[in-house]
Amino acid sequence: MADSILFSINAVFPIVLVAAFGFFCRKNNTVTDEFLKTGNKFCFKYCFFAMMFCNVYKIDSLAEIRWNSIVTALIIVLLLFAVGLALVVSFVKDKRQKGVILQAVFRSNFAIIGIPLASNIFGDEGQQAASLISAFSVPLFNVLAVISLVLFTRDEKSPAKAQVVSIIKKILTNPLILGTACGMACLAVRPYCGDWRLSTGNLRFIYKAVDSLAVIAPWLSLVILGGSFRFSAIKRLLPQISVAVVARLLFAPAVGMTLSYFLPRWLNFTPLSGADYAALFALFGSPVAIASVAMADQMGSDSELAGQILVWTTLFSAFTVFAQTALLRHIGLF
């Protein structure tokens, strides 16, 4: 029991503390509103590109991919997106908030919290399973996130064809998607390059520079998030925050893990291992993605609500992750 509580604290509270540091920096005027605005743009365009590239590039080979768990994960993410879309269309009035709340339903902080969580639950096997799932689920998250945000903030007066072209363009030029595509391209050509890798060859200084940007991506964005946080917004946005927190931390893992158990059986897939279940729980049970705030800000949605959702899902996940991990261990999934 104590180990599970300590694990939850160590997985979640570094994020909370860095965001709190950003809040402190704004309060004592170390950072300005202009810094927060330009820093958000810098993170979105360059740091998250580097992070996605490095996450994919670090996979040893496409041959390692466990397709049964990956296909299961992608199907469930798409189902969560569809359910979330129906809910926000029906019940959320503010167009700038629809896409933000929709992201909370299907998009988790898998790369930063999910993979370490899977590792803590099931060791190296859990980390490997989560890393492989992330190579496909995170790009899908980003494509669906762009669709979520553009769908409700588009210019309704423009022709339908122009709107479709605009959505496709924003998907193809999204830095997170471009970073993933570059990483996948490198994986595809790696078998034809022998043992040579950018990370170990004579040009490894290039990789180190890119990796340095990747490392600062989540932490700089958290400082910016903390600096942008306003406690005065909680009361005004409480209904939206509450819905998003419940959707992200209770609804998504409940639906995700139930379907993770039954889908492979219905589709006659190879049974999932304990490591696979650990990775899938990390995918569905983690708080909302850090990048969701920068994306909302850069794509004309309610970034203030996105920031509030990120903070509160992260805080409450310390308790939900602990309780759900204990439950899933008790029933024998991992």
C-alpha atoms as a PDB file:
ATOM      1  CA  MET A   1       0.000   0.000   0.000  1.00  0.00           C
ATOM      2  CA  ALA A   2       2.710   2.479   1.011  1.00  0.00           C
ATOM      3  CA  ASP A   3       4.769   1.592  -2.079  1.00  0.00           C
ATOM      4  CA  SER A   4       1.785   2.256  -4.355  1.00  0.00           C
ATOM      5  CA  ILE A   5       1.148   5.645  -2.743  1.00  0.00           C
ATOM      6  CA  LEU A   6       4.830   6.562  -2.996  1.00  0.00           C
ATOM      7  CA  PHE A   7       4.891   5.486  -6.639  1.00  0.00           C
ATOM      8  CA  SER A   8       1.888   7.676  -7.459  1.00  0.00           C
ATOM      9  CA  ILE A   9       3.495  10.651  -5.735  1.00  0.00           C
ATOM     10  CA  ASN A  10       6.804  10.178  -7.562  1.00  0.00           C
ATOM     11  CA  ALA A  11       5.082   9.768 -10.931  1.00  0.00           C
ATOM     12  CA  VAL A  12       2.777  12.768 -10.680  1.00  0.00           C
ATOM     13  CA  PHE A  13       4.158  15.383  -8.312  1.00  0.00           C
ATOM     14  CA  PRO A  14       7.261  16.367 -10.316  1.00  0.00           C
ATOM     15  CA  ILE A  15       4.833  17.728 -12.911  1.00  0.00           C
ATOM     16  CA  VAL A  16       2.857  19.574 -10.249  1.00  0.00           C
ATOM     17  CA  LEU A  17       5.990  21.066  -8.679  1.00  0.00           C
ATOM     18  CA  VAL A  18       7.408  22.326 -11.987  1.00  0.00           C
ATOM     19  CA  ALA A  19       4.061  23.947 -12.841  1.00  0.00           C
ATOM     20  CA  ALA A  20       3.983  25.479  -9.350  1.00  0.00           C
ATOM     21  CA  PHE A  21       7.473  26.865  -9.970  1.00  0.00           C
ATOM     22  CA  GLY A  22       6.178  28.541 -13.140  1.00  0.00           C
ATOM     23  CA  PHE A  23       3.330  30.069 -11.136  1.00  0.00           C
ATOM     24  CA  PHE A  24       5.858  31.363  -8.579  1.00  0.00           C
ATOM     25  CA  CYS A  25       8.036  32.844 -11.348  1.00  0.00           C
ATOM     26  CA  ARG A  26       5.113  34.845 -12.715  1.00  0.00           C
ATOM     27  CA  LYS A  27       4.081  36.028  -9.264  1.00  0.00           C
ATOM     28  CA  ASN A  28       7.542  37.441  -8.557  1.00  0.00           C
ATOM     29  CA  ASN A  29       7.793  38.874 -12.099  1.00  0.00           C
ATOM     30  CA  THR A  30      10.671  36.630 -13.177  1.00  0.00           C
ATOM     31  CA  VAL A  31       8.663  35.787 -16.295  1.00  0.00           C
ATOM     32  CA  THR A  32       6.361  38.101 -18.211  1.00  0.00           C
ATOM     33  CA  ASP A  33       3.183  37.516 -20.177  1.00  0.00           C
ATOM     34  CA  GLU A  34       5.188  38.071 -23.373  1.00  0.00           C
ATOM     35  CA  PHE A  35       7.611  35.313 -22.350  1.00  0.00           C
ATOM     36  CA  LEU A  36       4.704  32.962 -21.678  1.00  0.00           C
ATOM     37  CA  LYS A  37       3.189  33.681 -25.090  1.00  0.00           C
ATOM     38  CA  THR A  38       6.385  33.336 -27.139  1.00  0.00           C
ATOM     39  CA  GLY A  39       7.616  30.427 -25.004  1.00  0.00           C
ATOM     40  CA  ASN A  40       4.429  28.500 -25.704  1.00  0.00           C
ATOM     41  CA  LYS A  41       4.936  29.028 -29.428  1.00  0.00           C
ATOM     42  CA  PHE A  42       8.596  27.991 -29.203  1.00  0.00           C
ATOM     43  CA  CYS A  43       7.705  24.776 -27.345  1.00  0.00           C
ATOM     44  CA  PHE A  44       4.960  23.900 -29.783  1.00  0.00           C
ATOM     45  CA  LYS A  45       6.956  24.508 -32.971  1.00  0.00           C
ATOM     46  CA  TYR A  46      10.381  23.162 -32.031  1.00  0.00           C
ATOM     47  CA  CYS A  47      10.614  21.357 -28.696  1.00  0.00           C
ATOM     48  CA  PHE A  48       7.622  19.060 -29.192  1.00  0.00           C
ATOM     49  CA  PHE A  49       8.809  18.288 -32.733  1.00  0.00           C
ATOM     50  CA  ALA A  50      12.145  17.166 -31.282  1.00  0.00           C
ATOM     51  CA  MET A  51      10.459  15.173 -28.505  1.00  0.00           C
ATOM     52  CA  MET A  52       8.251  13.212 -30.908  1.00  0.00           C
ATOM     53  CA  PHE A  53      11.170  12.536 -33.260  1.00  0.00           C
ATOM     54  CA  CYS A  54      13.364  11.197 -30.458  1.00  0.00           C
ATOM     55  CA  ASN A  55      10.584   9.069 -28.933  1.00  0.00           C
ATOM     56  CA  VAL A  56      10.162   7.224 -32.228  1.00  0.00           C
ATOM     57  CA  TYR A  57      13.851   7.190 -33.187  1.00  0.00           C
ATOM     58  CA  LYS A  58      14.788   5.372 -29.954  1.00  0.00           C
ATOM     59  CA  ILE A  59      12.770   2.295 -30.982  1.00  0.00           C
ATOM     60  CA  ASP A  60      15.296  -0.334 -32.080  1.00  0.00           C
ATOM     61  CA  SER A  61      13.329  -1.937 -34.899  1.00  0.00           C
ATOM     62  CA  LEU A  62       9.877  -2.126 -36.436  1.00  0.00           C
ATOM     63  CA  ALA A  63      10.186  -5.901 -35.978  1.00  0.00           C
ATOM     64  CA  GLU A  64       9.738  -5.439 -32.205  1.00  0.00           C
ATOM     65  CA  ILE A  65       6.200  -4.152 -32.618  1.00  0.00           C
ATOM     66  CA  ARG A  66       3.436  -6.113 -30.850  1.00  0.00           C
ATOM     67  CA  TRP A  67       0.577  -5.596 -33.258  1.00  0.00           C
ATOM     68  CA  ASN A  68      -2.093  -7.195 -31.050  1.00  0.00           C
ATOM     69  CA  SER A  69      -1.697  -4.601 -28.290  1.00  0.00           C
ATOM     70  CA  ILE A  70      -1.143  -1.723 -30.727  1.00  0.00           C
ATOM     71  CA  VAL A  71      -4.254  -2.421 -32.804  1.00  0.00           C
ATOM     72  CA  THR A  72      -6.262  -2.852 -29.593  1.00  0.00           C
ATOM     73  CA  ALA A  73      -4.991   0.502 -28.314  1.00  0.00           C
ATOM     74  CA  LEU A  74      -5.738   2.351 -31.560  1.00  0.00           C
ATOM     75  CA  ILE A  75      -9.269   0.964 -31.842  1.00  0.00           C
ATOM     76  CA  ILE A  76     -10.085   2.012 -28.278  1.00  0.00           C
ATOM     77  CA  VAL A  77      -8.624   5.504 -28.760  1.00  0.00           C
ATOM     78  CA  LEU A  78     -10.820   5.945 -31.842  1.00  0.00           C
ATOM     79  CA  LEU A  79     -13.878   4.745 -29.911  1.00  0.00           C
ATOM     80  CA  LEU A  80     -13.142   7.168 -27.063  1.00  0.00           C
ATOM     81  CA  PHE A  81     -12.782   9.957 -29.614  1.00  0.00           C
ATOM     82  CA  ALA A  82     -16.149   9.058 -31.171  1.00  0.00           C
ATOM     83  CA  VAL A  83     -17.917   8.933 -27.797  1.00  0.00           C
ATOM     84  CA  GLY A  84     -16.283  12.179 -26.690  1.00  0.00           C
ATOM     85  CA  LEU A  85     -17.229  13.884 -29.943  1.00  0.00           C
ATOM     86  CA  ALA A  86     -20.874  12.926 -29.492  1.00  0.00           C
ATOM     87  CA  LEU A  87     -20.841  14.213 -25.912  1.00  0.00           C
ATOM     88  CA  VAL A  88     -19.252  17.617 -26.604  1.00  0.00           C
ATOM     89  CA  VAL A  89     -21.455  18.227 -29.638  1.00  0.00           C
ATOM     90  CA  SER A  90     -24.530  17.493 -27.523  1.00  0.00           C
ATOM     91  CA  PHE A  91     -23.669  19.173 -24.218  1.00  0.00           C
ATOM     92  CA  VAL A  92     -20.846  21.742 -24.571  1.00  0.00           C
ATOM     93  CA  LYS A  93     -22.044  25.151 -25.781  1.00  0.00           C
ATOM     94  CA  ASP A  94     -18.829  27.165 -26.209  1.00  0.00           C
ATOM     95  CA  LYS A  95     -17.157  26.197 -29.492  1.00  0.00           C
ATOM     96  CA  ARG A  96     -13.708  27.109 -28.183  1.00  0.00           C
ATOM     97  CA  GLN A  97     -14.189  24.634 -25.322  1.00  0.00           C
ATOM     98  CA  LYS A  98     -15.565  21.700 -27.308  1.00  0.00           C
ATOM     99  CA  GLY A  99     -12.232  20.560 -28.729  1.00  0.00           C
ATOM    100  CA  VAL A 100     -10.436  21.110 -25.418  1.00  0.00           C
ATOM    101  CA  ILE A 101     -12.859  18.874 -23.496  1.00  0.00           C
ATOM    102  CA  LEU A 102     -12.854  16.332 -26.320  1.00  0.00           C
ATOM    103  CA  GLN A 103      -9.061  16.053 -26.019  1.00  0.00           C
ATOM    104  CA  ALA A 104      -9.443  15.205 -22.333  1.00  0.00           C
ATOM    105  CA  VAL A 105     -11.606  12.193 -23.205  1.00  0.00           C
ATOM    106  CA  PHE A 106      -9.115  10.420 -25.480  1.00  0.00           C
ATOM    107  CA  ARG A 107      -5.676  12.055 -25.146  1.00  0.00           C
ATOM    108  CA  SER A 108      -3.387  11.131 -22.249  1.00  0.00           C
ATOM    109  CA  ASN A 109       0.071  12.175 -21.103  1.00  0.00           C
ATOM    110  CA  PHE A 110       1.426   8.835 -22.281  1.00  0.00           C
ATOM    111  CA  ALA A 111       4.962   9.830 -23.237  1.00  0.00           C
ATOM    112  CA  ILE A 112       5.812  11.580 -19.957  1.00  0.00           C
ATOM    113  CA  ILE A 113       3.705   9.830 -17.304  1.00  0.00           C
ATOM    114  CA  GLY A 114       2.365   6.746 -19.088  1.00  0.00           C
ATOM    115  CA  ILE A 115       5.646   5.085 -20.080  1.00  0.00           C
ATOM    116  CA  PRO A 116       7.264   5.493 -16.622  1.00  0.00           C
ATOM    117  CA  LEU A 117       3.989   4.285 -15.095  1.00  0.00           C
ATOM    118  CA  ALA A 118       4.051   1.114 -17.215  1.00  0.00           C
ATOM    119  CA  SER A 119       7.687   0.595 -16.224  1.00  0.00           C
ATOM    120  CA  ASN A 120       6.849   0.897 -12.529  1.00  0.00           C
ATOM    121  CA  ILE A 121       3.970  -1.547 -12.860  1.00  0.00           C
ATOM    122  CA  PHE A 122       5.676  -4.219 -14.973  1.00  0.00           C
ATOM    123  CA  GLY A 123       9.385  -3.403 -15.158  1.00  0.00           C
ATOM    124  CA  ASP A 124      11.355  -3.370 -18.411  1.00  0.00           C
ATOM    125  CA  GLU A 125       8.707  -5.404 -20.242  1.00  0.00           C
ATOM    126  CA  GLY A 126       6.074  -2.830 -19.359  1.00  0.00           C
ATOM    127  CA  GLN A 127       8.304   0.016 -20.509  1.00  0.00           C
ATOM    128  CA  GLN A 128       9.059  -1.687 -23.826  1.00  0.00           C
ATOM    129  CA  ALA A 129       5.382  -2.447 -24.459  1.00  0.00           C
ATOM    130  CA  ALA A 130       4.453   1.157 -23.666  1.00  0.00           C
ATOM    131  CA  SER A 131       7.227   2.573 -25.876  1.00  0.00           C
ATOM    132  CA  LEU A 132       6.047   0.531 -28.847  1.00  0.00           C
ATOM    133  CA  ILE A 133       2.408   1.512 -28.314  1.00  0.00           C
ATOM    134  CA  SER A 134       3.457   5.163 -28.026  1.00  0.00           C
ATOM    135  CA  ALA A 135       5.014   5.089 -31.504  1.00  0.00           C
ATOM    136  CA  PHE A 136       1.505   4.650 -32.922  1.00  0.00           C
ATOM    137  CA  SER A 137      -0.883   5.997 -30.278  1.00  0.00           C
ATOM    138  CA  VAL A 138       0.838   9.371 -29.807  1.00  0.00           C
ATOM    139  CA  PRO A 139       0.697  10.221 -33.553  1.00  0.00           C
ATOM    140  CA  LEU A 140      -2.975   9.210 -33.530  1.00  0.00           C
ATOM    141  CA  PHE A 141      -3.529  11.418 -30.475  1.00  0.00           C
ATOM    142  CA  ASN A 142      -2.002  14.343 -32.346  1.00  0.00           C
ATOM    143  CA  VAL A 143      -4.008  13.818 -35.541  1.00  0.00           C
ATOM    144  CA  LEU A 144      -7.248  13.531 -33.571  1.00  0.00           C
ATOM    145  CA  ALA A 145      -6.266  16.537 -31.442  1.00  0.00           C
ATOM    146  CA  VAL A 146      -5.803  18.712 -34.531  1.00  0.00           C
ATOM    147  CA  ILE A 147      -9.164  17.528 -35.867  1.00  0.00           C
ATOM    148  CA  SER A 148     -10.781  18.198 -32.461  1.00  0.00           C
ATOM    149  CA  LEU A 149      -9.513  21.769 -32.291  1.00  0.00           C
ATOM    150  CA  VAL A 150      -9.978  22.701 -35.955  1.00  0.00           C
ATOM    151  CA  LEU A 151     -13.426  21.131 -36.203  1.00  0.00           C
ATOM    152  CA  PHE A 152     -15.018  23.626 -33.837  1.00  0.00           C
ATOM    153  CA  THR A 153     -12.936  26.746 -34.526  1.00  0.00           C
ATOM    154  CA  ARG A 154     -13.027  26.682 -38.324  1.00  0.00           C
ATOM    155  CA  ASP A 155     -14.603  29.433 -40.407  1.00  0.00           C
ATOM    156  CA  GLU A 156     -18.110  28.121 -41.054  1.00  0.00           C
ATOM    157  CA  LYS A 157     -18.631  30.641 -43.877  1.00  0.00           C
ATOM    158  CA  SER A 158     -15.880  29.151 -46.029  1.00  0.00           C
ATOM    159  CA  PRO A 159     -16.716  26.360 -48.535  1.00  0.00           C
ATOM    160  CA  ALA A 160     -16.694  22.769 -47.279  1.00  0.00           C
ATOM    161  CA  LYS A 161     -13.833  21.844 -49.613  1.00  0.00           C
ATOM    162  CA  ALA A 162     -11.704  24.698 -48.285  1.00  0.00           C
ATOM    163  CA  GLN A 163     -12.427  23.599 -44.703  1.00  0.00           C
ATOM    164  CA  VAL A 164     -11.334  20.023 -45.452  1.00  0.00           C
ATOM    165  CA  VAL A 165      -8.156  21.267 -47.129  1.00  0.00           C
ATOM    166  CA  SER A 166      -7.474  23.504 -44.124  1.00  0.00           C
ATOM    167  CA  ILE A 167      -7.879  20.616 -41.672  1.00  0.00           C
ATOM    168  CA  ILE A 168      -5.587  18.355 -43.719  1.00  0.00           C
ATOM    169  CA  LYS A 169      -2.990  21.119 -43.999  1.00  0.00           C
ATOM    170  CA  LYS A 170      -3.009  21.700 -40.235  1.00  0.00           C
ATOM    171  CA  ILE A 171      -2.619  17.968 -39.620  1.00  0.00           C
ATOM    172  CA  LEU A 172       0.307  17.650 -42.039  1.00  0.00           C
ATOM    173  CA  THR A 173       2.074  20.750 -40.718  1.00  0.00           C
ATOM    174  CA  ASN A 174       1.544  20.007 -37.022  1.00  0.00           C
ATOM    175  CA  PRO A 175       5.025  19.860 -35.410  1.00  0.00           C
ATOM    176  CA  LEU A 176       4.188  16.795 -33.309  1.00  0.00           C
ATOM    177  CA  ILE A 177       3.025  14.886 -36.378  1.00  0.00           C
ATOM    178  CA  LEU A 178       6.020  16.029 -38.427  1.00  0.00           C
ATOM    179  CA  GLY A 179       8.376  14.877 -35.671  1.00  0.00           C
ATOM    180  CA  THR A 180       6.746  11.450 -35.588  1.00  0.00           C
ATOM    181  CA  ALA A 181       6.876  11.175 -39.388  1.00  0.00           C
ATOM    182  CA  CYS A 182      10.597  11.999 -39.427  1.00  0.00           C
ATOM    183  CA  GLY A 183      11.232   9.400 -36.733  1.00  0.00           C
ATOM    184  CA  MET A 184       9.262   6.729 -38.611  1.00  0.00           C
ATOM    185  CA  ALA A 185      11.165   7.556 -41.819  1.00  0.00           C
ATOM    186  CA  CYS A 186      14.445   6.966 -39.980  1.00  0.00           C
ATOM    187  CA  LEU A 187      13.148   3.646 -38.630  1.00  0.00           C
ATOM    188  CA  ALA A 188      12.097   2.575 -42.119  1.00  0.00           C
ATOM    189  CA  VAL A 189      15.547   3.176 -43.664  1.00  0.00           C
ATOM    190  CA  ARG A 190      17.554   1.891 -40.675  1.00  0.00           C
ATOM    191  CA  PRO A 191      17.757  -1.736 -41.947  1.00  0.00           C
ATOM    192  CA  TYR A 192      19.515  -0.457 -45.079  1.00  0.00           C
ATOM    193  CA  CYS A 193      22.125   1.509 -43.103  1.00  0.00           C
ATOM    194  CA  GLY A 194      23.783  -1.399 -41.320  1.00  0.00           C
ATOM    195  CA  ASP A 195      24.630  -0.586 -37.722  1.00  0.00           C
ATOM    196  CA  TRP A 196      24.960   3.154 -38.344  1.00  0.00           C
ATOM    197  CA  ARG A 197      22.743   5.448 -36.300  1.00  0.00           C
ATOM    198  CA  LEU A 198      22.536   9.180 -35.973  1.00  0.00           C
ATOM    199  CA  SER A 199      22.733   8.806 -32.185  1.00  0.00           C
ATOM    200  CA  THR A 200      26.048   6.878 -32.229  1.00  0.00           C
ATOM    201  CA  GLY A 201      27.768   7.784 -35.516  1.00  0.00           C
ATOM    202  CA  ASN A 202      30.164  10.591 -36.359  1.00  0.00           C
ATOM    203  CA  LEU A 203      27.231  12.993 -36.648  1.00  0.00           C
ATOM    204  CA  ARG A 204      25.870  12.216 -33.187  1.00  0.00           C
ATOM    205  CA  PHE A 205      26.246  15.880 -32.233  1.00  0.00           C
ATOM    206  CA  ILE A 206      23.175  16.525 -34.404  1.00  0.00           C
ATOM    207  CA  TYR A 207      21.165  13.958 -32.480  1.00  0.00           C
ATOM    208  CA  LYS A 208      22.386  15.323 -29.139  1.00  0.00           C
ATOM    209  CA  ALA A 209      21.244  18.810 -30.111  1.00  0.00           C
ATOM    210  CA  VAL A 210      17.799  17.544 -31.127  1.00  0.00           C
ATOM    211  CA  ASP A 211      17.575  15.386 -27.996  1.00  0.00           C
ATOM    212  CA  SER A 212      18.413  18.419 -25.836  1.00  0.00           C
ATOM    213  CA  LEU A 213      15.377  20.215 -27.250  1.00  0.00           C
ATOM    214  CA  ALA A 214      13.308  17.080 -26.679  1.00  0.00           C
ATOM    215  CA  VAL A 215      14.325  16.885 -23.020  1.00  0.00           C
ATOM    216  CA  ILE A 216      13.245  20.436 -22.223  1.00  0.00           C
ATOM    217  CA  ALA A 217       9.918  20.188 -24.100  1.00  0.00           C
ATOM    218  CA  PRO A 218       7.642  18.962 -21.289  1.00  0.00           C
ATOM    219  CA  TRP A 219       9.374  20.873 -18.508  1.00  0.00           C
ATOM    220  CA  LEU A 220       9.523  24.252 -20.222  1.00  0.00           C
ATOM    221  CA  SER A 221       5.887  23.849 -21.251  1.00  0.00           C
ATOM    222  CA  LEU A 222       5.001  23.104 -17.608  1.00  0.00           C
ATOM    223  CA  VAL A 223       6.772  26.257 -16.413  1.00  0.00           C
ATOM    224  CA  ILE A 224       4.776  28.199 -19.012  1.00  0.00           C
ATOM    225  CA  LEU A 225       1.580  26.445 -17.941  1.00  0.00           C
ATOM    226  CA  GLY A 226       2.193  27.341 -14.301  1.00  0.00           C
ATOM    227  CA  GLY A 227       2.908  30.947 -15.239  1.00  0.00           C
ATOM    228  CA  SER A 228      -0.342  31.107 -17.195  1.00  0.00           C
ATOM    229  CA  PHE A 229      -2.449  29.494 -14.463  1.00  0.00           C
ATOM    230  CA  ARG A 230      -5.185  31.627 -12.887  1.00  0.00           C
ATOM    231  CA  PHE A 231      -6.967  30.424  -9.738  1.00  0.00           C
ATOM    232  CA  SER A 232      -9.708  32.941 -10.454  1.00  0.00           C
ATOM    233  CA  ALA A 233     -10.769  30.835 -13.444  1.00  0.00           C
ATOM    234  CA  ILE A 234     -11.601  27.747 -11.374  1.00  0.00           C
ATOM    235  CA  LYS A 235     -15.024  28.932 -10.207  1.00  0.00           C
ATOM    236  CA  ARG A 236     -16.011  30.128 -13.679  1.00  0.00           C
ATOM    237  CA  LEU A 237     -14.855  26.923 -15.388  1.00  0.00           C
ATOM    238  CA  LEU A 238     -15.737  24.425 -12.635  1.00  0.00           C
ATOM    239  CA  PRO A 239     -18.433  22.496 -14.601  1.00  0.00           C
ATOM    240  CA  GLN A 240     -16.150  22.053 -17.625  1.00  0.00           C
ATOM    241  CA  ILE A 241     -13.163  21.117 -15.460  1.00  0.00           C
ATOM    242  CA  SER A 242     -15.247  18.566 -13.523  1.00  0.00           C
ATOM    243  CA  VAL A 243     -16.523  16.885 -16.685  1.00  0.00           C
ATOM    244  CA  ALA A 244     -13.029  16.705 -18.157  1.00  0.00           C
ATOM    245  CA  VAL A 245     -11.474  15.290 -14.970  1.00  0.00           C
ATOM    246  CA  VAL A 246     -14.124  12.565 -14.674  1.00  0.00           C
ATOM    247  CA  ALA A 247     -13.836  11.723 -18.378  1.00  0.00           C
ATOM    248  CA  ARG A 248     -10.044  11.517 -18.319  1.00  0.00           C
ATOM    249  CA  LEU A 249      -9.432   9.765 -14.999  1.00  0.00           C
ATOM    250  CA  LEU A 250     -12.522   7.569 -14.534  1.00  0.00           C
ATOM    251  CA  PHE A 251     -14.419   7.095 -17.796  1.00  0.00           C
ATOM    252  CA  ALA A 252     -11.437   6.578 -20.133  1.00  0.00           C
ATOM    253  CA  PRO A 253      -9.605   3.960 -18.017  1.00  0.00           C
ATOM    254  CA  ALA A 254     -12.841   2.105 -17.212  1.00  0.00           C
ATOM    255  CA  VAL A 255     -13.835   1.855 -20.878  1.00  0.00           C
ATOM    256  CA  GLY A 256     -10.259   1.381 -22.050  1.00  0.00           C
ATOM    257  CA  MET A 257      -9.378  -1.512 -19.764  1.00  0.00           C
ATOM    258  CA  THR A 258     -12.727  -3.260 -20.222  1.00  0.00           C
ATOM    259  CA  LEU A 259     -12.317  -3.186 -23.995  1.00  0.00           C
ATOM    260  CA  SER A 260      -8.625  -4.116 -23.702  1.00  0.00           C
ATOM    261  CA  TYR A 261      -9.719  -7.348 -22.057  1.00  0.00           C
ATOM    262  CA  PHE A 262     -12.516  -8.247 -24.466  1.00  0.00           C
ATOM    263  CA  LEU A 263     -11.400  -6.851 -27.857  1.00  0.00           C
ATOM    264  CA  PRO A 264      -8.485  -9.275 -28.434  1.00  0.00           C
ATOM    265  CA  ARG A 265     -10.842 -12.165 -27.692  1.00  0.00           C
ATOM    266  CA  TRP A 266     -13.518 -10.857 -30.043  1.00  0.00           C
ATOM    267  CA  LEU A 267     -10.961 -10.232 -32.809  1.00  0.00           C
ATOM    268  CA  ASN A 268      -9.096 -13.535 -32.265  1.00  0.00           C
ATOM    269  CA  PHE A 269      -5.826 -11.755 -31.482  1.00  0.00           C
ATOM    270  CA  THR A 270      -2.969 -13.316 -29.574  1.00  0.00           C
ATOM    271  CA  PRO A 271      -3.812 -12.891 -25.863  1.00  0.00           C
ATOM    272  CA  LEU A 272      -2.314  -9.810 -24.266  1.00  0.00           C
ATOM    273  CA  SER A 273       0.420 -10.199 -21.669  1.00  0.00           C
ATOM    274  CA  GLY A 274       0.630  -8.544 -18.274  1.00  0.00           C
ATOM    275  CA  ALA A 275       3.104  -6.062 -19.747  1.00  0.00           C
ATOM    276  CA  ASP A 276       0.593  -5.192 -22.469  1.00  0.00           C
ATOM    277  CA  TYR A 277      -2.145  -4.573 -19.906  1.00  0.00           C
ATOM    278  CA  ALA A 278       0.218  -2.386 -17.873  1.00  0.00           C
ATOM    279  CA  ALA A 279       1.009  -0.332 -20.981  1.00  0.00           C
ATOM    280  CA  LEU A 280      -2.655  -0.016 -21.937  1.00  0.00           C
ATOM    281  CA  PHE A 281      -3.631   1.076 -18.438  1.00  0.00           C
ATOM    282  CA  ALA A 282      -0.898   3.709 -18.590  1.00  0.00           C
ATOM    283  CA  LEU A 283      -2.310   4.841 -21.939  1.00  0.00           C
ATOM    284  CA  PHE A 284      -5.868   5.252 -20.680  1.00  0.00           C
ATOM    285  CA  GLY A 285      -5.312   6.139 -17.013  1.00  0.00           C
ATOM    286  CA  SER A 286      -2.756   8.954 -17.275  1.00  0.00           C
ATOM    287  CA  PRO A 287      -3.750  12.644 -16.986  1.00  0.00           C
ATOM    288  CA  VAL A 288      -4.279  14.766 -20.074  1.00  0.00           C
ATOM    289  CA  ALA A 289      -1.304  15.436 -22.373  1.00  0.00           C
ATOM    290  CA  ILE A 290       0.924  18.414 -21.587  1.00  0.00           C
ATOM    291  CA  ALA A 291       1.031  19.353 -25.280  1.00  0.00           C
ATOM    292  CA  SER A 292      -2.758  19.841 -25.283  1.00  0.00           C
ATOM    293  CA  VAL A 293      -2.344  23.289 -23.719  1.00  0.00           C
ATOM    294  CA  ALA A 294       0.141  24.574 -26.296  1.00  0.00           C
ATOM    295  CA  MET A 295      -1.963  23.150 -29.125  1.00  0.00           C
ATOM    296  CA  ALA A 296      -5.135  24.771 -27.809  1.00  0.00           C
ATOM    297  CA  ASP A 297      -3.328  28.095 -27.488  1.00  0.00           C
ATOM    298  CA  GLN A 298      -1.822  27.984 -30.971  1.00  0.00           C
ATOM    299  CA  MET A 299      -5.015  26.778 -32.663  1.00  0.00           C
ATOM    300  CA  GLY A 300      -7.499  29.301 -31.290  1.00  0.00           C
ATOM    301  CA  SER A 301      -9.201  27.199 -28.610  1.00  0.00           C
ATOM    302  CA  ASP A 302      -9.674  27.896 -24.896  1.00  0.00           C
ATOM    303  CA  SER A 303      -6.101  27.440 -23.637  1.00  0.00           C
ATOM    304  CA  GLU A 304      -7.068  28.640 -20.146  1.00  0.00           C
ATOM    305  CA  LEU A 305      -9.504  25.741 -19.798  1.00  0.00           C
ATOM    306  CA  ALA A 306      -6.906  23.379 -21.280  1.00  0.00           C
ATOM    307  CA  GLY A 307      -4.402  24.483 -18.639  1.00  0.00           C
ATOM    308  CA  GLN A 308      -6.905  24.034 -15.821  1.00  0.00           C
ATOM    309  CA  ILE A 309      -7.755  20.535 -17.066  1.00  0.00           C
ATOM    310  CA  LEU A 310      -4.075  19.604 -17.239  1.00  0.00           C
ATOM    311  CA  VAL A 311      -3.401  20.788 -13.683  1.00  0.00           C
ATOM    312  CA  TRP A 312      -6.412  19.116 -12.091  1.00  0.00           C
ATOM    313  CA  THR A 313      -6.202  15.812 -13.979  1.00  0.00           C
ATOM    314  CA  THR A 314      -2.533  15.634 -12.993  1.00  0.00           C
ATOM    315  CA  LEU A 315      -3.289  16.325  -9.322  1.00  0.00           C
ATOM    316  CA  PHE A 316      -6.190  13.885  -9.042  1.00  0.00           C
ATOM    317  CA  SER A 317      -4.370  11.191 -11.028  1.00  0.00           C
ATOM    318  CA  ALA A 318      -2.140  10.622  -7.987  1.00  0.00           C
ATOM    319  CA  PHE A 319      -5.204   9.109  -6.304  1.00  0.00           C
ATOM    320  CA  THR A 320      -6.933   7.475  -9.282  1.00  0.00           C
ATOM    321  CA  VAL A 321      -3.753   5.818 -10.592  1.00  0.00           C
ATOM    322  CA  PHE A 322      -3.089   4.356  -7.145  1.00  0.00           C
ATOM    323  CA  ALA A 323      -6.647   3.038  -6.721  1.00  0.00           C
ATOM    324  CA  GLN A 324      -6.939   1.657 -10.249  1.00  0.00           C
ATOM    325  CA  THR A 325      -3.491   0.033 -10.161  1.00  0.00           C
ATOM    326  CA  ALA A 326      -4.411  -1.717  -6.916  1.00  0.00           C
ATOM    327  CA  LEU A 327      -7.722  -2.899  -8.399  1.00  0.00           C
ATOM    328  CA  LEU A 328      -6.174  -4.236 -11.616  1.00  0.00           C
ATOM    329  CA  ARG A 329      -3.450  -6.003  -9.660  1.00  0.00           C
ATOM    330  CA  HIS A 330      -6.101  -7.536  -7.410  1.00  0.00           C
ATOM    331  CA  ILE A 331      -8.047  -9.004 -10.351  1.00  0.00           C
ATOM    332  CA  GLY A 332      -4.828 -10.330 -11.906  1.00  0.00           C
ATOM    333  CA  LEU A 333      -4.385  -8.312 -15.100  1.00  0.00           C
ATOM    334  CA  PHE A 334      -0.789  -7.523 -14.148  1.00  0.00           C
END
